[in-house]
Amino acid sequence: MQNNEKENFTARRLKITDNKKGFIELLQQLSICDSISETDFEDRFREIDSVEDDHVICVIEDEIYGKIIATGSVFIEKKFLRNCGKVGHIEDVVVDSSVCGKK
């Protein structure tokens, strides 16, 4: 990216409208991930969203292009160990190949 090009990246939680911003296509850069219907995306989004902070998917959106360029998720495992503690598991971290290495 040249110095005169603007960048407007925003980190936030996944929104139900992010399917239209290339979220699934981004995951396909990480692993085999078939295309899914809008209905299936929305159903899974609502399922994950219903557990609130026990499963969080974050994204970085390039607001100039309206495209999701990075994502990662964390889910919380409730344990009996460590005095009924909790452990976070980080999963599905991917940065779009078009912006890798651009800090």
PDB file of N, CA and C in Angstrom:
ATOM      1  N   MET A   1       0.835  -1.165   0.000  1.00  0.00           N
ATOM      2  CA  MET A   1       0.000   0.000   0.000  1.00  0.00           C
ATOM      3  C   MET A   1       0.884   1.234   0.000  1.00  0.00           C
ATOM      4  N   GLN A   2       0.602   2.168  -0.846  1.00  0.00           N
ATOM      5  CA  GLN A   2       1.407   3.371  -0.949  1.00  0.00           C
ATOM      6  C   GLN A   2       1.075   4.322   0.196  1.00  0.00           C
ATOM      7  N   ASN A   3       1.998   5.238   0.480  1.00  0.00           N
ATOM      8  CA  ASN A   3       1.821   6.163   1.593  1.00  0.00           C
ATOM      9  C   ASN A   3       0.589   7.052   1.453  1.00  0.00           C
ATOM     10  N   ASN A   4       0.168   7.344   0.216  1.00  0.00           N
ATOM     11  CA  ASN A   4      -0.964   8.238   0.030  1.00  0.00           C
ATOM     12  C   ASN A   4      -2.311   7.523   0.102  1.00  0.00           C
ATOM     13  N   GLU A   5      -2.299   6.201   0.218  1.00  0.00           N
ATOM     14  CA  GLU A   5      -3.538   5.449   0.336  1.00  0.00           C
ATOM     15  C   GLU A   5      -3.971   5.427   1.796  1.00  0.00           C
ATOM     16  N   LYS A   6      -5.253   5.678   2.036  1.00  0.00           N
ATOM     17  CA  LYS A   6      -5.781   5.675   3.391  1.00  0.00           C
ATOM     18  C   LYS A   6      -6.137   4.255   3.807  1.00  0.00           C
ATOM     19  N   GLU A   7      -6.005   3.998   5.096  1.00  0.00           N
ATOM     20  CA  GLU A   7      -6.427   2.749   5.677  1.00  0.00           C
ATOM     21  C   GLU A   7      -7.436   3.069   6.769  1.00  0.00           C
ATOM     22  N   ASN A   8      -8.479   2.315   6.827  1.00  0.00           N
ATOM     23  CA  ASN A   8      -9.465   2.513   7.872  1.00  0.00           C
ATOM     24  C   ASN A   8      -9.910   1.142   8.357  1.00  0.00           C
ATOM     25  N   PHE A   9      -9.130   0.561   9.259  1.00  0.00           N
ATOM     26  CA  PHE A   9      -9.397  -0.759   9.789  1.00  0.00           C
ATOM     27  C   PHE A   9     -10.079  -0.639  11.153  1.00  0.00           C
ATOM     28  N   THR A  10     -11.135  -1.404  11.344  1.00  0.00           N
ATOM     29  CA  THR A  10     -11.864  -1.398  12.604  1.00  0.00           C
ATOM     30  C   THR A  10     -11.960  -2.816  13.135  1.00  0.00           C
ATOM     31  N   ALA A  11     -11.527  -3.013  14.374  1.00  0.00           N
ATOM     32  CA  ALA A  11     -11.657  -4.308  15.053  1.00  0.00           C
ATOM     33  C   ALA A  11     -12.959  -4.287  15.841  1.00  0.00           C
ATOM     34  N   ARG A  12     -13.710  -5.395  15.720  1.00  0.00           N
ATOM     35  CA  ARG A  12     -15.015  -5.467  16.384  1.00  0.00           C
ATOM     36  C   ARG A  12     -15.497  -6.915  16.404  1.00  0.00           C
ATOM     37  N   ARG A  13     -16.619  -7.143  17.058  1.00  0.00           N
ATOM     38  CA  ARG A  13     -17.247  -8.464  17.046  1.00  0.00           C
ATOM     39  C   ARG A  13     -17.908  -8.707  15.695  1.00  0.00           C
ATOM     40  N   LEU A  14     -17.994  -9.975  15.336  1.00  0.00           N
ATOM     41  CA  LEU A  14     -18.682 -10.376  14.117  1.00  0.00           C
ATOM     42  C   LEU A  14     -20.134  -9.932  14.177  1.00  0.00           C
ATOM     43  N   LYS A  15     -20.633  -9.430  13.051  1.00  0.00           N
ATOM     44  CA  LYS A  15     -22.042  -9.043  12.926  1.00  0.00           C
ATOM     45  C   LYS A  15     -22.721  -9.995  11.946  1.00  0.00           C
ATOM     46  N   ILE A  16     -24.032 -10.097  12.071  1.00  0.00           N
ATOM     47  CA  ILE A  16     -24.795 -10.992  11.211  1.00  0.00           C
ATOM     48  C   ILE A  16     -24.693 -10.584   9.745  1.00  0.00           C
ATOM     49  N   THR A  17     -24.380  -9.349   9.462  1.00  0.00           N
ATOM     50  CA  THR A  17     -24.254  -8.859   8.089  1.00  0.00           C
ATOM     51  C   THR A  17     -22.869  -9.102   7.483  1.00  0.00           C
ATOM     52  N   ASP A  18     -21.934  -9.657   8.257  1.00  0.00           N
ATOM     53  CA  ASP A  18     -20.557  -9.831   7.764  1.00  0.00           C
ATOM     54  C   ASP A  18     -20.401 -10.936   6.737  1.00  0.00           C
ATOM     55  N   ASN A  19     -21.394 -11.780   6.596  1.00  0.00           N
ATOM     56  CA  ASN A  19     -21.336 -12.790   5.546  1.00  0.00           C
ATOM     57  C   ASN A  19     -21.219 -12.109   4.181  1.00  0.00           C
ATOM     58  N   LYS A  20     -21.891 -10.987   4.032  1.00  0.00           N
ATOM     59  CA  LYS A  20     -21.861 -10.246   2.759  1.00  0.00           C
ATOM     60  C   LYS A  20     -20.569  -9.464   2.581  1.00  0.00           C
ATOM     61  N   LYS A  21     -19.722  -9.447   3.590  1.00  0.00           N
ATOM     62  CA  LYS A  21     -18.459  -8.713   3.527  1.00  0.00           C
ATOM     63  C   LYS A  21     -17.270  -9.644   3.375  1.00  0.00           C
ATOM     64  N   GLY A  22     -17.536 -10.900   2.998  1.00  0.00           N
ATOM     65  CA  GLY A  22     -16.450 -11.822   2.693  1.00  0.00           C
ATOM     66  C   GLY A  22     -15.935 -12.643   3.855  1.00  0.00           C
ATOM     67  N   PHE A  23     -16.731 -12.776   4.913  1.00  0.00           N
ATOM     68  CA  PHE A  23     -16.270 -13.523   6.078  1.00  0.00           C
ATOM     69  C   PHE A  23     -15.965 -14.985   5.746  1.00  0.00           C
ATOM     70  N   ILE A  24     -16.875 -15.657   5.083  1.00  0.00           N
ATOM     71  CA  ILE A  24     -16.661 -17.075   4.748  1.00  0.00           C
ATOM     72  C   ILE A  24     -15.499 -17.225   3.771  1.00  0.00           C
ATOM     73  N   GLU A  25     -15.398 -16.335   2.807  1.00  0.00           N
ATOM     74  CA  GLU A  25     -14.282 -16.390   1.857  1.00  0.00           C
ATOM     75  C   GLU A  25     -12.943 -16.225   2.572  1.00  0.00           C
ATOM     76  N   LEU A  26     -12.923 -15.398   3.615  1.00  0.00           N
ATOM     77  CA  LEU A  26     -11.711 -15.245   4.409  1.00  0.00           C
ATOM     78  C   LEU A  26     -11.371 -16.551   5.119  1.00  0.00           C
ATOM     79  N   LEU A  27     -12.356 -17.193   5.723  1.00  0.00           N
ATOM     80  CA  LEU A  27     -12.111 -18.476   6.389  1.00  0.00           C
ATOM     81  C   LEU A  27     -11.607 -19.529   5.405  1.00  0.00           C
ATOM     82  N   GLN A  28     -12.005 -19.428   4.143  1.00  0.00           N
ATOM     83  CA  GLN A  28     -11.556 -20.380   3.135  1.00  0.00           C
ATOM     84  C   GLN A  28     -10.055 -20.251   2.859  1.00  0.00           C
ATOM     85  N   GLN A  29      -9.443 -19.127   3.244  1.00  0.00           N
ATOM     86  CA  GLN A  29      -7.987 -18.987   3.131  1.00  0.00           C
ATOM     87  C   GLN A  29      -7.279 -19.769   4.232  1.00  0.00           C
ATOM     88  N   LEU A  30      -8.016 -20.112   5.289  1.00  0.00           N
ATOM     89  CA  LEU A  30      -7.447 -20.841   6.421  1.00  0.00           C
ATOM     90  C   LEU A  30      -7.604 -22.346   6.286  1.00  0.00           C
ATOM     91  N   SER A  31      -8.776 -22.770   5.845  1.00  0.00           N
ATOM     92  CA  SER A  31      -9.088 -24.193   5.819  1.00  0.00           C
ATOM     93  C   SER A  31     -10.220 -24.454   4.832  1.00  0.00           C
ATOM     94  N   ILE A  32     -10.483 -25.720   4.595  1.00  0.00           N
ATOM     95  CA  ILE A  32     -11.594 -26.084   3.723  1.00  0.00           C
ATOM     96  C   ILE A  32     -12.891 -25.628   4.380  1.00  0.00           C
ATOM     97  N   CYS A  33     -13.617 -24.818   3.666  1.00  0.00           N
ATOM     98  CA  CYS A  33     -14.858 -24.262   4.195  1.00  0.00           C
ATOM     99  C   CYS A  33     -15.775 -24.031   3.005  1.00  0.00           C
ATOM    100  N   ASP A  34     -16.755 -24.900   2.860  1.00  0.00           N
ATOM    101  CA  ASP A  34     -17.680 -24.767   1.744  1.00  0.00           C
ATOM    102  C   ASP A  34     -18.485 -23.481   1.884  1.00  0.00           C
ATOM    103  N   SER A  35     -19.002 -23.011   0.764  1.00  0.00           N
ATOM    104  CA  SER A  35     -19.921 -21.888   0.810  1.00  0.00           C
ATOM    105  C   SER A  35     -21.168 -22.328   1.558  1.00  0.00           C
ATOM    106  N   ILE A  36     -21.755 -21.399   2.299  1.00  0.00           N
ATOM    107  CA  ILE A  36     -22.974 -21.718   3.027  1.00  0.00           C
ATOM    108  C   ILE A  36     -24.042 -20.696   2.673  1.00  0.00           C
ATOM    109  N   SER A  37     -25.278 -21.115   2.819  1.00  0.00           N
ATOM    110  CA  SER A  37     -26.381 -20.215   2.493  1.00  0.00           C
ATOM    111  C   SER A  37     -26.480 -19.095   3.525  1.00  0.00           C
ATOM    112  N   GLU A  38     -27.142 -18.035   3.139  1.00  0.00           N
ATOM    113  CA  GLU A  38     -27.363 -16.919   4.050  1.00  0.00           C
ATOM    114  C   GLU A  38     -28.135 -17.391   5.286  1.00  0.00           C
ATOM    115  N   THR A  39     -29.117 -18.261   5.082  1.00  0.00           N
ATOM    116  CA  THR A  39     -29.917 -18.783   6.194  1.00  0.00           C
ATOM    117  C   THR A  39     -29.054 -19.597   7.151  1.00  0.00           C
ATOM    118  N   ASP A  40     -28.194 -20.470   6.606  1.00  0.00           N
ATOM    119  CA  ASP A  40     -27.312 -21.273   7.467  1.00  0.00           C
ATOM    120  C   ASP A  40     -26.339 -20.384   8.237  1.00  0.00           C
ATOM    121  N   PHE A  41     -25.821 -19.340   7.567  1.00  0.00           N
ATOM    122  CA  PHE A  41     -24.916 -18.405   8.244  1.00  0.00           C
ATOM    123  C   PHE A  41     -25.644 -17.723   9.404  1.00  0.00           C
ATOM    124  N   GLU A  42     -26.829 -17.221   9.136  1.00  0.00           N
ATOM    125  CA  GLU A  42     -27.581 -16.507  10.162  1.00  0.00           C
ATOM    126  C   GLU A  42     -27.961 -17.428  11.325  1.00  0.00           C
ATOM    127  N   ASP A  43     -28.337 -18.661  11.022  1.00  0.00           N
ATOM    128  CA  ASP A  43     -28.676 -19.616  12.080  1.00  0.00           C
ATOM    129  C   ASP A  43     -27.470 -19.890  12.975  1.00  0.00           C
ATOM    130  N   ARG A  44     -26.313 -20.137  12.367  1.00  0.00           N
ATOM    131  CA  ARG A  44     -25.111 -20.418  13.165  1.00  0.00           C
ATOM    132  C   ARG A  44     -24.685 -19.173  13.936  1.00  0.00           C
ATOM    133  N   PHE A  45     -24.787 -18.000  13.311  1.00  0.00           N
ATOM    134  CA  PHE A  45     -24.446 -16.756  14.001  1.00  0.00           C
ATOM    135  C   PHE A  45     -25.292 -16.611  15.269  1.00  0.00           C
ATOM    136  N   ARG A  46     -26.594 -16.804  15.143  1.00  0.00           N
ATOM    137  CA  ARG A  46     -27.487 -16.663  16.294  1.00  0.00           C
ATOM    138  C   ARG A  46     -27.173 -17.697  17.383  1.00  0.00           C
ATOM    139  N   GLU A  47     -26.816 -18.902  16.968  1.00  0.00           N
ATOM    140  CA  GLU A  47     -26.449 -19.947  17.930  1.00  0.00           C
ATOM    141  C   GLU A  47     -25.209 -19.536  18.721  1.00  0.00           C
ATOM    142  N   ILE A  48     -24.189 -19.067  18.016  1.00  0.00           N
ATOM    143  CA  ILE A  48     -22.950 -18.638  18.681  1.00  0.00           C
ATOM    144  C   ILE A  48     -23.207 -17.398  19.533  1.00  0.00           C
ATOM    145  N   ASP A  49     -23.974 -16.467  19.009  1.00  0.00           N
ATOM    146  CA  ASP A  49     -24.264 -15.224  19.721  1.00  0.00           C
ATOM    147  C   ASP A  49     -25.054 -15.483  21.004  1.00  0.00           C
ATOM    148  N   SER A  50     -25.833 -16.566  21.041  1.00  0.00           N
ATOM    149  CA  SER A  50     -26.675 -16.845  22.203  1.00  0.00           C
ATOM    150  C   SER A  50     -25.867 -17.202  23.453  1.00  0.00           C
ATOM    151  N   VAL A  51     -24.623 -17.635  23.291  1.00  0.00           N
ATOM    152  CA  VAL A  51     -23.792 -17.962  24.452  1.00  0.00           C
ATOM    153  C   VAL A  51     -22.971 -16.761  24.911  1.00  0.00           C
ATOM    154  N   GLU A  52     -23.222 -15.626  24.294  1.00  0.00           N
ATOM    155  CA  GLU A  52     -22.641 -14.341  24.659  1.00  0.00           C
ATOM    156  C   GLU A  52     -21.123 -14.408  24.721  1.00  0.00           C
ATOM    157  N   ASP A  53     -20.533 -14.094  25.870  1.00  0.00           N
ATOM    158  CA  ASP A  53     -19.080 -13.995  25.965  1.00  0.00           C
ATOM    159  C   ASP A  53     -18.366 -15.336  26.082  1.00  0.00           C
ATOM    160  N   ASP A  54     -19.097 -16.443  26.044  1.00  0.00           N
ATOM    161  CA  ASP A  54     -18.446 -17.750  26.072  1.00  0.00           C
ATOM    162  C   ASP A  54     -17.924 -18.169  24.701  1.00  0.00           C
ATOM    163  N   HIS A  55     -18.308 -17.481  23.648  1.00  0.00           N
ATOM    164  CA  HIS A  55     -17.770 -17.718  22.300  1.00  0.00           C
ATOM    165  C   HIS A  55     -17.837 -16.395  21.551  1.00  0.00           C
ATOM    166  N   VAL A  56     -16.676 -15.822  21.307  1.00  0.00           N
ATOM    167  CA  VAL A  56     -16.605 -14.510  20.662  1.00  0.00           C
ATOM    168  C   VAL A  56     -15.799 -14.637  19.378  1.00  0.00           C
ATOM    169  N   ILE A  57     -16.375 -14.147  18.304  1.00  0.00           N
ATOM    170  CA  ILE A  57     -15.661 -14.067  17.028  1.00  0.00           C
ATOM    171  C   ILE A  57     -15.421 -12.590  16.747  1.00  0.00           C
ATOM    172  N   CYS A  58     -14.163 -12.249  16.586  1.00  0.00           N
ATOM    173  CA  CYS A  58     -13.794 -10.870  16.275  1.00  0.00           C
ATOM    174  C   CYS A  58     -13.332 -10.789  14.831  1.00  0.00           C
ATOM    175  N   VAL A  59     -13.521  -9.629  14.240  1.00  0.00           N
ATOM    176  CA  VAL A  59     -13.084  -9.395  12.876  1.00  0.00           C
ATOM    177  C   VAL A  59     -12.398  -8.037  12.802  1.00  0.00           C
ATOM    178  N   ILE A  60     -11.631  -7.866  11.755  1.00  0.00           N
ATOM    179  CA  ILE A  60     -11.137  -6.542  11.384  1.00  0.00           C
ATOM    180  C   ILE A  60     -11.713  -6.253  10.014  1.00  0.00           C
ATOM    181  N   GLU A  61     -12.380  -5.112   9.918  1.00  0.00           N
ATOM    182  CA  GLU A  61     -12.999  -4.712   8.663  1.00  0.00           C
ATOM    183  C   GLU A  61     -12.224  -3.553   8.047  1.00  0.00           C
ATOM    184  N   ASP A  62     -11.952  -3.673   6.769  1.00  0.00           N
ATOM    185  CA  ASP A  62     -11.445  -2.554   5.993  1.00  0.00           C
ATOM    186  C   ASP A  62     -12.679  -1.756   5.586  1.00  0.00           C
ATOM    187  N   GLU A  63     -12.926  -0.662   6.271  1.00  0.00           N
ATOM    188  CA  GLU A  63     -14.153   0.101   6.054  1.00  0.00           C
ATOM    189  C   GLU A  63     -14.171   0.820   4.710  1.00  0.00           C
ATOM    190  N   ILE A  64     -13.019   1.069   4.143  1.00  0.00           N
ATOM    191  CA  ILE A  64     -12.987   1.713   2.823  1.00  0.00           C
ATOM    192  C   ILE A  64     -13.573   0.777   1.776  1.00  0.00           C
ATOM    193  N   TYR A  65     -13.223  -0.502   1.859  1.00  0.00           N
ATOM    194  CA  TYR A  65     -13.700  -1.481   0.884  1.00  0.00           C
ATOM    195  C   TYR A  65     -14.888  -2.297   1.381  1.00  0.00           C
ATOM    196  N   GLY A  66     -15.262  -2.138   2.646  1.00  0.00           N
ATOM    197  CA  GLY A  66     -16.371  -2.906   3.202  1.00  0.00           C
ATOM    198  C   GLY A  66     -16.099  -4.392   3.196  1.00  0.00           C
ATOM    199  N   LYS A  67     -14.861  -4.767   3.576  1.00  0.00           N
ATOM    200  CA  LYS A  67     -14.427  -6.154   3.491  1.00  0.00           C
ATOM    201  C   LYS A  67     -13.813  -6.591   4.812  1.00  0.00           C
ATOM    202  N   ILE A  68     -14.150  -7.809   5.227  1.00  0.00           N
ATOM    203  CA  ILE A  68     -13.526  -8.400   6.409  1.00  0.00           C
ATOM    204  C   ILE A  68     -12.146  -8.900   6.000  1.00  0.00           C
ATOM    205  N   ILE A  69     -11.107  -8.407   6.679  1.00  0.00           N
ATOM    206  CA  ILE A  69      -9.736  -8.748   6.282  1.00  0.00           C
ATOM    207  C   ILE A  69      -9.007  -9.619   7.308  1.00  0.00           C
ATOM    208  N   ALA A  70      -9.613  -9.805   8.476  1.00  0.00           N
ATOM    209  CA  ALA A  70      -8.992 -10.661   9.491  1.00  0.00           C
ATOM    210  C   ALA A  70     -10.063 -11.122  10.463  1.00  0.00           C
ATOM    211  N   THR A  71      -9.811 -12.277  11.050  1.00  0.00           N
ATOM    212  CA  THR A  71     -10.740 -12.796  12.052  1.00  0.00           C
ATOM    213  C   THR A  71     -10.008 -13.726  13.007  1.00  0.00           C
ATOM    214  N   GLY A  72     -10.605 -13.913  14.137  1.00  0.00           N
ATOM    215  CA  GLY A  72     -10.145 -14.870  15.131  1.00  0.00           C
ATOM    216  C   GLY A  72     -11.268 -15.084  16.115  1.00  0.00           C
ATOM    217  N   SER A  73     -11.249 -16.228  16.773  1.00  0.00           N
ATOM    218  CA  SER A  73     -12.309 -16.490  17.746  1.00  0.00           C
ATOM    219  C   SER A  73     -11.698 -17.016  19.035  1.00  0.00           C
ATOM    220  N   VAL A  74     -12.444 -16.834  20.100  1.00  0.00           N
ATOM    221  CA  VAL A  74     -12.076 -17.384  21.401  1.00  0.00           C
ATOM    222  C   VAL A  74     -13.335 -17.973  22.013  1.00  0.00           C
ATOM    223  N   PHE A  75     -13.186 -19.172  22.550  1.00  0.00           N
ATOM    224  CA  PHE A  75     -14.310 -19.726  23.294  1.00  0.00           C
ATOM    225  C   PHE A  75     -13.822 -20.148  24.667  1.00  0.00           C
ATOM    226  N   ILE A  76     -14.729 -20.066  25.615  1.00  0.00           N
ATOM    227  CA  ILE A  76     -14.393 -20.291  27.014  1.00  0.00           C
ATOM    228  C   ILE A  76     -14.840 -21.688  27.430  1.00  0.00           C
ATOM    229  N   GLU A  77     -13.906 -22.422  27.986  1.00  0.00           N
ATOM    230  CA  GLU A  77     -14.191 -23.747  28.531  1.00  0.00           C
ATOM    231  C   GLU A  77     -14.295 -23.614  30.048  1.00  0.00           C
ATOM    232  N   LYS A  78     -15.410 -24.038  30.572  1.00  0.00           N
ATOM    233  CA  LYS A  78     -15.612 -24.016  32.020  1.00  0.00           C
ATOM    234  C   LYS A  78     -15.061 -25.319  32.590  1.00  0.00           C
ATOM    235  N   LYS A  79     -14.223 -25.191  33.609  1.00  0.00           N
ATOM    236  CA  LYS A  79     -13.473 -26.327  34.143  1.00  0.00           C
ATOM    237  C   LYS A  79     -13.884 -26.646  35.584  1.00  0.00           C
ATOM    238  N   PHE A  80     -13.582 -27.868  36.000  1.00  0.00           N
ATOM    239  CA  PHE A  80     -13.618 -28.210  37.415  1.00  0.00           C
ATOM    240  C   PHE A  80     -12.248 -27.922  38.024  1.00  0.00           C
ATOM    241  N   LEU A  81     -11.203 -28.068  37.218  1.00  0.00           N
ATOM    242  CA  LEU A  81      -9.846 -27.783  37.679  1.00  0.00           C
ATOM    243  C   LEU A  81      -9.705 -26.308  38.030  1.00  0.00           C
ATOM    244  N   ARG A  82      -8.656 -26.027  38.766  1.00  0.00           N
ATOM    245  CA  ARG A  82      -8.322 -24.656  39.150  1.00  0.00           C
ATOM    246  C   ARG A  82      -9.498 -23.936  39.809  1.00  0.00           C
ATOM    247  N   ASN A  83     -10.099 -24.659  40.766  1.00  0.00           N
ATOM    248  CA  ASN A  83     -11.184 -24.076  41.550  1.00  0.00           C
ATOM    249  C   ASN A  83     -12.359 -23.633  40.674  1.00  0.00           C
ATOM    250  N   CYS A  84     -12.787 -24.532  39.774  1.00  0.00           N
ATOM    251  CA  CYS A  84     -13.879 -24.255  38.821  1.00  0.00           C
ATOM    252  C   CYS A  84     -13.549 -23.053  37.934  1.00  0.00           C
ATOM    253  N   GLY A  85     -12.319 -23.049  37.457  1.00  0.00           N
ATOM    254  CA  GLY A  85     -11.853 -21.941  36.619  1.00  0.00           C
ATOM    255  C   GLY A  85     -12.357 -22.022  35.194  1.00  0.00           C
ATOM    256  N   LYS A  86     -11.866 -21.102  34.398  1.00  0.00           N
ATOM    257  CA  LYS A  86     -12.202 -21.025  32.979  1.00  0.00           C
ATOM    258  C   LYS A  86     -10.913 -20.916  32.176  1.00  0.00           C
ATOM    259  N   VAL A  87     -10.955 -21.457  30.951  1.00  0.00           N
ATOM    260  CA  VAL A  87      -9.819 -21.390  30.053  1.00  0.00           C
ATOM    261  C   VAL A  87     -10.317 -20.898  28.697  1.00  0.00           C
ATOM    262  N   GLY A  88      -9.593 -19.988  28.090  1.00  0.00           N
ATOM    263  CA  GLY A  88      -9.951 -19.517  26.751  1.00  0.00           C
ATOM    264  C   GLY A  88      -9.160 -20.259  25.698  1.00  0.00           C
ATOM    265  N   HIS A  89      -9.833 -20.637  24.613  1.00  0.00           N
ATOM    266  CA  HIS A  89      -9.191 -21.303  23.482  1.00  0.00           C
ATOM    267  C   HIS A  89      -9.290 -20.382  22.270  1.00  0.00           C
ATOM    268  N   ILE A  90      -8.160 -20.073  21.675  1.00  0.00           N
ATOM    269  CA  ILE A  90      -8.113 -19.199  20.501  1.00  0.00           C
ATOM    270  C   ILE A  90      -8.105 -20.077  19.267  1.00  0.00           C
ATOM    271  N   GLU A  91      -8.986 -19.772  18.335  1.00  0.00           N
ATOM    272  CA  GLU A  91      -9.168 -20.589  17.137  1.00  0.00           C
ATOM    273  C   GLU A  91      -9.354 -19.711  15.901  1.00  0.00           C
ATOM    274  N   ASP A  92      -9.202 -20.330  14.750  1.00  0.00           N
ATOM    275  CA  ASP A  92      -9.595 -19.772  13.446  1.00  0.00           C
ATOM    276  C   ASP A  92      -9.064 -18.355  13.199  1.00  0.00           C
ATOM    277  N   VAL A  93      -7.771 -18.177  13.436  1.00  0.00           N
ATOM    278  CA  VAL A  93      -7.139 -16.885  13.208  1.00  0.00           C
ATOM    279  C   VAL A  93      -6.621 -16.842  11.776  1.00  0.00           C
ATOM    280  N   VAL A  94      -7.062 -15.845  11.031  1.00  0.00           N
ATOM    281  CA  VAL A  94      -6.625 -15.701   9.637  1.00  0.00           C
ATOM    282  C   VAL A  94      -6.639 -14.222   9.246  1.00  0.00           C
ATOM    283  N   VAL A  95      -5.638 -13.849   8.463  1.00  0.00           N
ATOM    284  CA  VAL A  95      -5.540 -12.503   7.889  1.00  0.00           C
ATOM    285  C   VAL A  95      -5.565 -12.660   6.379  1.00  0.00           C
ATOM    286  N   ASP A  96      -6.365 -11.852   5.719  1.00  0.00           N
ATOM    287  CA  ASP A  96      -6.484 -11.922   4.260  1.00  0.00           C
ATOM    288  C   ASP A  96      -5.106 -11.781   3.623  1.00  0.00           C
ATOM    289  N   SER A  97      -4.848 -12.634   2.657  1.00  0.00           N
ATOM    290  CA  SER A  97      -3.537 -12.639   1.989  1.00  0.00           C
ATOM    291  C   SER A  97      -3.218 -11.307   1.328  1.00  0.00           C
ATOM    292  N   SER A  98      -4.223 -10.521   0.982  1.00  0.00           N
ATOM    293  CA  SER A  98      -3.972  -9.231   0.323  1.00  0.00           C
ATOM    294  C   SER A  98      -3.427  -8.176   1.276  1.00  0.00           C
ATOM    295  N   VAL A  99      -3.529  -8.411   2.596  1.00  0.00           N
ATOM    296  CA  VAL A  99      -3.014  -7.440   3.554  1.00  0.00           C
ATOM    297  C   VAL A  99      -1.948  -8.013   4.489  1.00  0.00           C
ATOM    298  N   CYS A 100      -1.610  -9.295   4.331  1.00  0.00           N
ATOM    299  CA  CYS A 100      -0.563  -9.896   5.160  1.00  0.00           C
ATOM    300  C   CYS A 100       0.743  -9.128   4.998  1.00  0.00           C
ATOM    301  N   GLY A 101       1.408  -8.894   6.115  1.00  0.00           N
ATOM    302  CA  GLY A 101       2.701  -8.221   6.088  1.00  0.00           C
ATOM    303  C   GLY A 101       2.616  -6.714   5.982  1.00  0.00           C
ATOM    304  N   LYS A 102       1.434  -6.152   6.084  1.00  0.00           N
ATOM    305  CA  LYS A 102       1.288  -4.689   5.957  1.00  0.00           C
ATOM    306  C   LYS A 102       1.065  -4.031   7.310  1.00  0.00           C
ATOM    307  N   LYS A 103       1.367  -4.751   8.387  1.00  0.00           N
ATOM    308  CA  LYS A 103       1.268  -4.250   9.748  1.00  0.00           C
ATOM    309  C   LYS A 103      -0.154  -3.871  10.075  1.00  0.00           C
TER     310      LYS A 103
END
